[in-house]
């Protein structure tokens, strides 16, 4: 049986990975980076975490937390890369 909550988490995770430029956008067939979108997706998942607190199974909570953590770490990494590239062009 399909777990609809995890389908929702996966849906947002896929958008997050696409906006990080880590996977191809299926609508365009291209790698596209939009870090503002990534930030919004992380915020949506954080809101989902708060609104479902105490109502998730152990697996649902673990997967949600891992998804948020992975997206945040990759987001910070991409922001750092952009900042480093910006500093290199100024030198």
PDB file of N, CA and C in Angstrom:
ATOM      1  N   UNK A   1       0.834  -1.184   0.000  1.00  0.00           N
ATOM      2  CA  UNK A   1       0.000   0.000   0.000  1.00  0.00           C
ATOM      3  C   UNK A   1       0.880   1.251   0.000  1.00  0.00           C
ATOM      4  N   UNK A   2       0.526   2.213  -0.806  1.00  0.00           N
ATOM      5  CA  UNK A   2       1.286   3.445  -0.962  1.00  0.00           C
ATOM      6  C   UNK A   2       1.052   4.365   0.236  1.00  0.00           C
ATOM      7  N   UNK A   3       2.132   4.941   0.743  1.00  0.00           N
ATOM      8  CA  UNK A   3       2.054   5.885   1.849  1.00  0.00           C
ATOM      9  C   UNK A   3       1.973   7.289   1.249  1.00  0.00           C
ATOM     10  N   UNK A   4       0.779   7.889   1.288  1.00  0.00           N
ATOM     11  CA  UNK A   4       0.577   9.191   0.656  1.00  0.00           C
ATOM     12  C   UNK A   4       1.454  10.285   1.249  1.00  0.00           C
ATOM     13  N   UNK A   5       1.736  10.221   2.546  1.00  0.00           N
ATOM     14  CA  UNK A   5       2.598  11.228   3.158  1.00  0.00           C
ATOM     15  C   UNK A   5       3.984  11.188   2.530  1.00  0.00           C
ATOM     16  N   UNK A   6       4.524   9.988   2.362  1.00  0.00           N
ATOM     17  CA  UNK A   6       5.858   9.866   1.776  1.00  0.00           C
ATOM     18  C   UNK A   6       5.869  10.259   0.302  1.00  0.00           C
ATOM     19  N   UNK A   7       4.752  10.084  -0.383  1.00  0.00           N
ATOM     20  CA  UNK A   7       4.642  10.543  -1.771  1.00  0.00           C
ATOM     21  C   UNK A   7       4.758  12.069  -1.811  1.00  0.00           C
ATOM     22  N   UNK A   8       4.118  12.741  -0.859  1.00  0.00           N
ATOM     23  CA  UNK A   8       4.197  14.205  -0.776  1.00  0.00           C
ATOM     24  C   UNK A   8       5.633  14.642  -0.494  1.00  0.00           C
ATOM     25  N   UNK A   9       6.276  13.992   0.472  1.00  0.00           N
ATOM     26  CA  UNK A   9       7.667  14.325   0.801  1.00  0.00           C
ATOM     27  C   UNK A   9       8.549  14.122  -0.427  1.00  0.00           C
ATOM     28  N   UNK A  10       8.370  13.007  -1.116  1.00  0.00           N
ATOM     29  CA  UNK A  10       9.175  12.723  -2.307  1.00  0.00           C
ATOM     30  C   UNK A  10       8.917  13.743  -3.412  1.00  0.00           C
ATOM     31  N   UNK A  11       7.680  14.158  -3.570  1.00  0.00           N
ATOM     32  CA  UNK A  11       7.331  15.167  -4.572  1.00  0.00           C
ATOM     33  C   UNK A  11       8.135  16.447  -4.337  1.00  0.00           C
ATOM     34  N   UNK A  12       8.119  16.933  -3.096  1.00  0.00           N
ATOM     35  CA  UNK A  12       8.864  18.153  -2.782  1.00  0.00           C
ATOM     36  C   UNK A  12      10.371  17.927  -2.865  1.00  0.00           C
ATOM     37  N   UNK A  13      10.820  16.743  -2.479  1.00  0.00           N
ATOM     38  CA  UNK A  13      12.252  16.432  -2.570  1.00  0.00           C
ATOM     39  C   UNK A  13      12.720  16.486  -4.022  1.00  0.00           C
ATOM     40  N   UNK A  14      11.937  15.929  -4.935  1.00  0.00           N
ATOM     41  CA  UNK A  14      12.308  15.948  -6.353  1.00  0.00           C
ATOM     42  C   UNK A  14      12.426  17.375  -6.873  1.00  0.00           C
ATOM     43  N   UNK A  15      11.493  18.228  -6.481  1.00  0.00           N
ATOM     44  CA  UNK A  15      11.564  19.635  -6.887  1.00  0.00           C
ATOM     45  C   UNK A  15      12.814  20.282  -6.289  1.00  0.00           C
ATOM     46  N   UNK A  16      13.103  19.937  -5.034  1.00  0.00           N
ATOM     47  CA  UNK A  16      14.303  20.464  -4.387  1.00  0.00           C
ATOM     48  C   UNK A  16      15.568  20.066  -5.121  1.00  0.00           C
ATOM     49  N   UNK A  17      15.683  18.785  -5.470  1.00  0.00           N
ATOM     50  CA  UNK A  17      16.881  18.316  -6.184  1.00  0.00           C
ATOM     51  C   UNK A  17      16.985  18.955  -7.565  1.00  0.00           C
ATOM     52  N   UNK A  18      15.836  19.122  -8.234  1.00  0.00           N
ATOM     53  CA  UNK A  18      15.848  19.790  -9.541  1.00  0.00           C
ATOM     54  C   UNK A  18      16.328  21.225  -9.406  1.00  0.00           C
ATOM     55  N   UNK A  19      15.810  21.937  -8.396  1.00  0.00           N
ATOM     56  CA  UNK A  19      16.174  23.348  -8.239  1.00  0.00           C
ATOM     57  C   UNK A  19      17.616  23.527  -7.765  1.00  0.00           C
ATOM     58  N   UNK A  20      18.199  22.494  -7.194  1.00  0.00           N
ATOM     59  CA  UNK A  20      19.619  22.519  -6.838  1.00  0.00           C
ATOM     60  C   UNK A  20      20.510  22.232  -8.048  1.00  0.00           C
ATOM     61  N   UNK A  21      19.892  21.803  -9.151  1.00  0.00           N
ATOM     62  CA  UNK A  21      20.655  21.451 -10.340  1.00  0.00           C
ATOM     63  C   UNK A  21      21.287  20.077 -10.237  1.00  0.00           C
ATOM     64  N   UNK A  22      20.744  19.238  -9.363  1.00  0.00           N
ATOM     65  CA  UNK A  22      21.314  17.901  -9.145  1.00  0.00           C
ATOM     66  C   UNK A  22      20.686  16.846 -10.050  1.00  0.00           C
ATOM     67  N   UNK A  23      19.444  17.096 -10.478  1.00  0.00           N
ATOM     68  CA  UNK A  23      18.777  16.172 -11.400  1.00  0.00           C
ATOM     69  C   UNK A  23      18.108  16.982 -12.514  1.00  0.00           C
ATOM     70  N   UNK A  24      17.824  16.311 -13.602  1.00  0.00           N
ATOM     71  CA  UNK A  24      17.212  16.943 -14.772  1.00  0.00           C
ATOM     72  C   UNK A  24      15.766  17.317 -14.474  1.00  0.00           C
ATOM     73  N   UNK A  25      15.386  18.491 -14.925  1.00  0.00           N
ATOM     74  CA  UNK A  25      13.989  18.902 -14.863  1.00  0.00           C
ATOM     75  C   UNK A  25      13.257  18.143 -15.967  1.00  0.00           C
ATOM     76  N   UNK A  26      12.310  17.272 -15.622  1.00  0.00           N
ATOM     77  CA  UNK A  26      11.657  16.462 -16.654  1.00  0.00           C
ATOM     78  C   UNK A  26      10.818  17.288 -17.628  1.00  0.00           C
ATOM     79  N   UNK A  27      10.402  18.466 -17.222  1.00  0.00           N
ATOM     80  CA  UNK A  27       9.597  19.313 -18.106  1.00  0.00           C
ATOM     81  C   UNK A  27      10.439  19.924 -19.220  1.00  0.00           C
ATOM     82  N   UNK A  28      11.725  20.205 -18.920  1.00  0.00           N
ATOM     83  CA  UNK A  28      12.582  20.857 -19.915  1.00  0.00           C
ATOM     84  C   UNK A  28      13.675  19.942 -20.450  1.00  0.00           C
ATOM     85  N   UNK A  29      13.952  18.861 -19.719  1.00  0.00           N
ATOM     86  CA  UNK A  29      15.034  17.965 -20.104  1.00  0.00           C
ATOM     87  C   UNK A  29      16.411  18.549 -19.833  1.00  0.00           C
ATOM     88  N   UNK A  30      16.463  19.609 -19.003  1.00  0.00           N
ATOM     89  CA  UNK A  30      17.723  20.296 -18.729  1.00  0.00           C
ATOM     90  C   UNK A  30      18.008  20.336 -17.228  1.00  0.00           C
ATOM     91  N   UNK A  31      19.284  20.529 -16.915  1.00  0.00           N
ATOM     92  CA  UNK A  31      19.690  20.799 -15.538  1.00  0.00           C
ATOM     93  C   UNK A  31      19.490  22.293 -15.320  1.00  0.00           C
ATOM     94  N   UNK A  32      18.706  22.646 -14.319  1.00  0.00           N
ATOM     95  CA  UNK A  32      18.422  24.052 -14.043  1.00  0.00           C
ATOM     96  C   UNK A  32      18.582  24.308 -12.552  1.00  0.00           C
ATOM     97  N   UNK A  33      19.301  25.372 -12.232  1.00  0.00           N
ATOM     98  CA  UNK A  33      19.516  25.706 -10.826  1.00  0.00           C
ATOM     99  C   UNK A  33      18.694  26.939 -10.470  1.00  0.00           C
ATOM    100  N   UNK A  34      17.951  26.839  -9.352  1.00  0.00           N
ATOM    101  CA  UNK A  34      17.163  27.959  -8.840  1.00  0.00           C
ATOM    102  C   UNK A  34      17.187  27.843  -7.318  1.00  0.00           C
ATOM    103  N   UNK A  35      18.200  28.452  -6.706  1.00  0.00           N
ATOM    104  CA  UNK A  35      18.394  28.285  -5.265  1.00  0.00           C
ATOM    105  C   UNK A  35      17.300  28.947  -4.438  1.00  0.00           C
ATOM    106  N   UNK A  36      16.649  29.966  -4.981  1.00  0.00           N
ATOM    107  CA  UNK A  36      15.510  30.564  -4.268  1.00  0.00           C
ATOM    108  C   UNK A  36      14.388  29.529  -4.153  1.00  0.00           C
ATOM    109  N   UNK A  37      14.163  28.785  -5.217  1.00  0.00           N
ATOM    110  CA  UNK A  37      13.150  27.726  -5.185  1.00  0.00           C
ATOM    111  C   UNK A  37      13.539  26.661  -4.169  1.00  0.00           C
ATOM    112  N   UNK A  38      14.815  26.306  -4.124  1.00  0.00           N
ATOM    113  CA  UNK A  38      15.276  25.315  -3.151  1.00  0.00           C
ATOM    114  C   UNK A  38      14.977  25.780  -1.736  1.00  0.00           C
ATOM    115  N   UNK A  39      15.266  27.036  -1.461  1.00  0.00           N
ATOM    116  CA  UNK A  39      14.998  27.598  -0.135  1.00  0.00           C
ATOM    117  C   UNK A  39      13.512  27.491   0.211  1.00  0.00           C
ATOM    118  N   UNK A  40      12.655  27.795  -0.750  1.00  0.00           N
ATOM    119  CA  UNK A  40      11.208  27.713  -0.532  1.00  0.00           C
ATOM    120  C   UNK A  40      10.763  26.274  -0.288  1.00  0.00           C
ATOM    121  N   UNK A  41      11.329  25.333  -1.011  1.00  0.00           N
ATOM    122  CA  UNK A  41      10.990  23.920  -0.824  1.00  0.00           C
ATOM    123  C   UNK A  41      11.397  23.467   0.577  1.00  0.00           C
ATOM    124  N   UNK A  42      12.579  23.867   1.024  1.00  0.00           N
ATOM    125  CA  UNK A  42      13.026  23.514   2.378  1.00  0.00           C
ATOM    126  C   UNK A  42      12.061  24.097   3.406  1.00  0.00           C
ATOM    127  N   UNK A  43      11.634  25.334   3.204  1.00  0.00           N
ATOM    128  CA  UNK A  43      10.681  25.966   4.122  1.00  0.00           C
ATOM    129  C   UNK A  43       9.346  25.225   4.138  1.00  0.00           C
ATOM    130  N   UNK A  44       8.890  24.778   2.979  1.00  0.00           N
ATOM    131  CA  UNK A  44       7.641  24.006   2.905  1.00  0.00           C
ATOM    132  C   UNK A  44       7.783  22.702   3.687  1.00  0.00           C
ATOM    133  N   UNK A  45       8.896  22.008   3.502  1.00  0.00           N
ATOM    134  CA  UNK A  45       9.115  20.750   4.223  1.00  0.00           C
ATOM    135  C   UNK A  45       9.239  20.987   5.725  1.00  0.00           C
ATOM    136  N   UNK A  46       9.864  22.099   6.126  1.00  0.00           N
ATOM    137  CA  UNK A  46       9.948  22.448   7.553  1.00  0.00           C
ATOM    138  C   UNK A  46       8.549  22.702   8.119  1.00  0.00           C
ATOM    139  N   UNK A  47       7.708  23.375   7.362  1.00  0.00           N
ATOM    140  CA  UNK A  47       6.327  23.618   7.786  1.00  0.00           C
ATOM    141  C   UNK A  47       5.572  22.304   7.908  1.00  0.00           C
ATOM    142  N   UNK A  48       5.760  21.425   6.943  1.00  0.00           N
ATOM    143  CA  UNK A  48       5.133  20.104   6.983  1.00  0.00           C
ATOM    144  C   UNK A  48       5.567  19.349   8.235  1.00  0.00           C
ATOM    145  N   UNK A  49       6.846  19.454   8.577  1.00  0.00           N
ATOM    146  CA  UNK A  49       7.377  18.808   9.784  1.00  0.00           C
ATOM    147  C   UNK A  49       6.676  19.344  11.031  1.00  0.00           C
ATOM    148  N   UNK A  50       6.540  20.660  11.119  1.00  0.00           N
ATOM    149  CA  UNK A  50       5.900  21.275  12.289  1.00  0.00           C
ATOM    150  C   UNK A  50       4.421  20.908  12.383  1.00  0.00           C
ATOM    151  N   UNK A  51       3.732  20.916  11.260  1.00  0.00           N
ATOM    152  CA  UNK A  51       2.286  20.661  11.250  1.00  0.00           C
ATOM    153  C   UNK A  51       1.944  19.195  11.502  1.00  0.00           C
ATOM    154  N   UNK A  52       2.896  18.306  11.258  1.00  0.00           N
ATOM    155  CA  UNK A  52       2.623  16.874  11.446  1.00  0.00           C
ATOM    156  C   UNK A  52       3.308  16.316  12.693  1.00  0.00           C
ATOM    157  N   UNK A  53       3.951  17.184  13.467  1.00  0.00           N
ATOM    158  CA  UNK A  53       4.686  16.756  14.662  1.00  0.00           C
ATOM    159  C   UNK A  53       3.785  15.917  15.575  1.00  0.00           C
ATOM    160  N   UNK A  54       4.282  14.736  15.921  1.00  0.00           N
ATOM    161  CA  UNK A  54       3.534  13.832  16.791  1.00  0.00           C
ATOM    162  C   UNK A  54       2.532  12.944  16.074  1.00  0.00           C
ATOM    163  N   UNK A  55       2.367  13.136  14.778  1.00  0.00           N
ATOM    164  CA  UNK A  55       1.385  12.359  14.016  1.00  0.00           C
ATOM    165  C   UNK A  55       2.011  11.447  12.965  1.00  0.00           C
ATOM    166  N   UNK A  56       3.327  11.366  12.960  1.00  0.00           N
ATOM    167  CA  UNK A  56       4.009  10.559  11.948  1.00  0.00           C
ATOM    168  C   UNK A  56       4.502   9.247  12.534  1.00  0.00           C
ATOM    169  N   UNK A  57       4.604   8.245  11.672  1.00  0.00           N
ATOM    170  CA  UNK A  57       5.245   7.006  12.097  1.00  0.00           C
ATOM    171  C   UNK A  57       6.744   7.276  12.208  1.00  0.00           C
ATOM    172  N   UNK A  58       7.440   6.354  12.810  1.00  0.00           N
ATOM    173  CA  UNK A  58       8.892   6.491  12.948  1.00  0.00           C
ATOM    174  C   UNK A  58       9.562   6.611  11.576  1.00  0.00           C
ATOM    175  N   UNK A  59       9.149   5.771  10.638  1.00  0.00           N
ATOM    176  CA  UNK A  59       9.725   5.809   9.281  1.00  0.00           C
ATOM    177  C   UNK A  59       9.411   7.128   8.574  1.00  0.00           C
ATOM    178  N   UNK A  60       8.166   7.592   8.678  1.00  0.00           N
ATOM    179  CA  UNK A  60       7.793   8.853   8.039  1.00  0.00           C
ATOM    180  C   UNK A  60       8.631  10.004   8.586  1.00  0.00           C
ATOM    181  N   UNK A  61       8.782  10.049   9.898  1.00  0.00           N
ATOM    182  CA  UNK A  61       9.562  11.111  10.521  1.00  0.00           C
ATOM    183  C   UNK A  61      11.032  11.035  10.104  1.00  0.00           C
ATOM    184  N   UNK A  62      11.578   9.827  10.091  1.00  0.00           N
ATOM    185  CA  UNK A  62      12.978   9.637   9.710  1.00  0.00           C
ATOM    186  C   UNK A  62      13.218  10.088   8.274  1.00  0.00           C
ATOM    187  N   UNK A  63      12.336   9.708   7.372  1.00  0.00           N
ATOM    188  CA  UNK A  63      12.489  10.067   5.960  1.00  0.00           C
ATOM    189  C   UNK A  63      12.324  11.574   5.769  1.00  0.00           C
ATOM    190  N   UNK A  64      11.352  12.171   6.437  1.00  0.00           N
ATOM    191  CA  UNK A  64      11.153  13.615   6.338  1.00  0.00           C
ATOM    192  C   UNK A  64      12.378  14.365   6.848  1.00  0.00           C
ATOM    193  N   UNK A  65      12.889  13.963   8.003  1.00  0.00           N
ATOM    194  CA  UNK A  65      14.058  14.633   8.583  1.00  0.00           C
ATOM    195  C   UNK A  65      15.293  14.460   7.693  1.00  0.00           C
ATOM    196  N   UNK A  66      15.481  13.269   7.159  1.00  0.00           N
ATOM    197  CA  UNK A  66      16.626  13.016   6.276  1.00  0.00           C
ATOM    198  C   UNK A  66      16.523  13.852   5.001  1.00  0.00           C
ATOM    199  N   UNK A  67      15.324  13.977   4.471  1.00  0.00           N
ATOM    200  CA  UNK A  67      15.113  14.768   3.260  1.00  0.00           C
ATOM    201  C   UNK A  67      15.444  16.231   3.509  1.00  0.00           C
ATOM    202  N   UNK A  68      14.937  16.765   4.614  1.00  0.00           N
ATOM    203  CA  UNK A  68      15.215  18.164   4.959  1.00  0.00           C
ATOM    204  C   UNK A  68      16.715  18.375   5.147  1.00  0.00           C
ATOM    205  N   UNK A  69      17.347  17.484   5.891  1.00  0.00           N
ATOM    206  CA  UNK A  69      18.783  17.605   6.158  1.00  0.00           C
ATOM    207  C   UNK A  69      19.595  17.545   4.870  1.00  0.00           C
ATOM    208  N   UNK A  70      19.297  16.579   4.009  1.00  0.00           N
ATOM    209  CA  UNK A  70      20.031  16.439   2.741  1.00  0.00           C
ATOM    210  C   UNK A  70      19.876  17.682   1.866  1.00  0.00           C
ATOM    211  N   UNK A  71      18.644  18.185   1.767  1.00  0.00           N
ATOM    212  CA  UNK A  71      18.421  19.375   0.950  1.00  0.00           C
ATOM    213  C   UNK A  71      19.146  20.587   1.536  1.00  0.00           C
ATOM    214  N   UNK A  72      19.090  20.738   2.857  1.00  0.00           N
ATOM    215  CA  UNK A  72      19.775  21.872   3.500  1.00  0.00           C
ATOM    216  C   UNK A  72      21.283  21.818   3.269  1.00  0.00           C
ATOM    217  N   UNK A  73      21.878  20.652   3.466  1.00  0.00           N
ATOM    218  CA  UNK A  73      23.321  20.516   3.278  1.00  0.00           C
ATOM    219  C   UNK A  73      23.727  20.832   1.844  1.00  0.00           C
ATOM    220  N   UNK A  74      22.971  20.335   0.891  1.00  0.00           N
ATOM    221  CA  UNK A  74      23.271  20.602  -0.514  1.00  0.00           C
ATOM    222  C   UNK A  74      23.014  22.061  -0.877  1.00  0.00           C
ATOM    223  N   UNK A  75      21.998  22.665  -0.286  1.00  0.00           N
ATOM    224  CA  UNK A  75      21.706  24.080  -0.506  1.00  0.00           C
ATOM    225  C   UNK A  75      22.877  24.935  -0.025  1.00  0.00           C
ATOM    226  N   UNK A  76      23.349  24.673   1.192  1.00  0.00           N
ATOM    227  CA  UNK A  76      24.483  25.418   1.741  1.00  0.00           C
ATOM    228  C   UNK A  76      25.718  25.227   0.861  1.00  0.00           C
ATOM    229  N   UNK A  77      25.931  24.015   0.391  1.00  0.00           N
ATOM    230  CA  UNK A  77      27.063  23.733  -0.490  1.00  0.00           C
ATOM    231  C   UNK A  77      26.973  24.547  -1.783  1.00  0.00           C
ATOM    232  N   UNK A  78      25.795  24.604  -2.369  1.00  0.00           N
ATOM    233  CA  UNK A  78      25.619  25.356  -3.620  1.00  0.00           C
ATOM    234  C   UNK A  78      25.772  26.856  -3.396  1.00  0.00           C
ATOM    235  N   UNK A  79      25.273  27.365  -2.279  1.00  0.00           N
ATOM    236  CA  UNK A  79      25.440  28.786  -1.949  1.00  0.00           C
ATOM    237  C   UNK A  79      26.929  29.095  -1.800  1.00  0.00           C
ATOM    238  N   UNK A  80      27.653  28.218  -1.108  1.00  0.00           N
ATOM    239  CA  UNK A  80      29.101  28.406  -0.918  1.00  0.00           C
ATOM    240  C   UNK A  80      29.834  28.411  -2.251  1.00  0.00           C
ATOM    241  N   UNK A  81      29.455  27.510  -3.146  1.00  0.00           N
ATOM    242  CA  UNK A  81      30.081  27.460  -4.475  1.00  0.00           C
ATOM    243  C   UNK A  81      29.860  28.774  -5.222  1.00  0.00           C
ATOM    244  N   UNK A  82      28.631  29.284  -5.160  1.00  0.00           N
ATOM    245  CA  UNK A  82      28.330  30.540  -5.850  1.00  0.00           C
ATOM    246  C   UNK A  82      29.129  31.693  -5.258  1.00  0.00           C
ATOM    247  N   UNK A  83      29.248  31.719  -3.929  1.00  0.00           N
ATOM    248  CA  UNK A  83      30.017  32.777  -3.274  1.00  0.00           C
ATOM    249  C   UNK A  83      31.491  32.682  -3.649  1.00  0.00           C
ATOM    250  N   UNK A  84      32.028  31.469  -3.682  1.00  0.00           N
ATOM    251  CA  UNK A  84      33.433  31.278  -4.066  1.00  0.00           C
ATOM    252  C   UNK A  84      33.672  31.688  -5.514  1.00  0.00           C
ATOM    253  N   UNK A  85      32.748  31.345  -6.391  1.00  0.00           N
ATOM    254  CA  UNK A  85      32.878  31.738  -7.797  1.00  0.00           C
ATOM    255  C   UNK A  85      32.815  33.253  -7.931  1.00  0.00           C
ATOM    256  N   UNK A  86      31.961  33.895  -7.144  1.00  0.00           N
ATOM    257  CA  UNK A  86      31.858  35.352  -7.158  1.00  0.00           C
ATOM    258  C   UNK A  86      33.134  36.007  -6.675  1.00  0.00           C
ATOM    259  N   UNK A  87      33.763  35.423  -5.661  1.00  0.00           N
ATOM    260  CA  UNK A  87      35.023  35.959  -5.142  1.00  0.00           C
ATOM    261  C   UNK A  87      36.155  35.791  -6.144  1.00  0.00           C
ATOM    262  N   UNK A  88      36.154  34.696  -6.899  1.00  0.00           N
ATOM    263  CA  UNK A  88      37.206  34.448  -7.889  1.00  0.00           C
ATOM    264  C   UNK A  88      37.134  35.458  -9.029  1.00  0.00           C
ATOM    265  N   UNK A  89      35.926  35.820  -9.427  1.00  0.00           N
ATOM    266  CA  UNK A  89      35.786  36.764 -10.537  1.00  0.00           C
ATOM    267  C   UNK A  89      36.146  38.186 -10.117  1.00  0.00           C
ATOM    268  N   UNK A  90      36.086  38.480  -8.820  1.00  0.00           N
ATOM    269  CA  UNK A  90      36.427  39.815  -8.321  1.00  0.00           C
ATOM    270  C   UNK A  90      37.933  40.000  -8.170  1.00  0.00           C
ATOM    271  N   UNK A  91      38.683  38.881  -8.124  1.00  0.00           N
ATOM    272  CA  UNK A  91      40.126  38.980  -7.903  1.00  0.00           C
ATOM    273  C   UNK A  91      40.899  39.174  -9.157  1.00  0.00           C
TER     274      UNK A  91
END
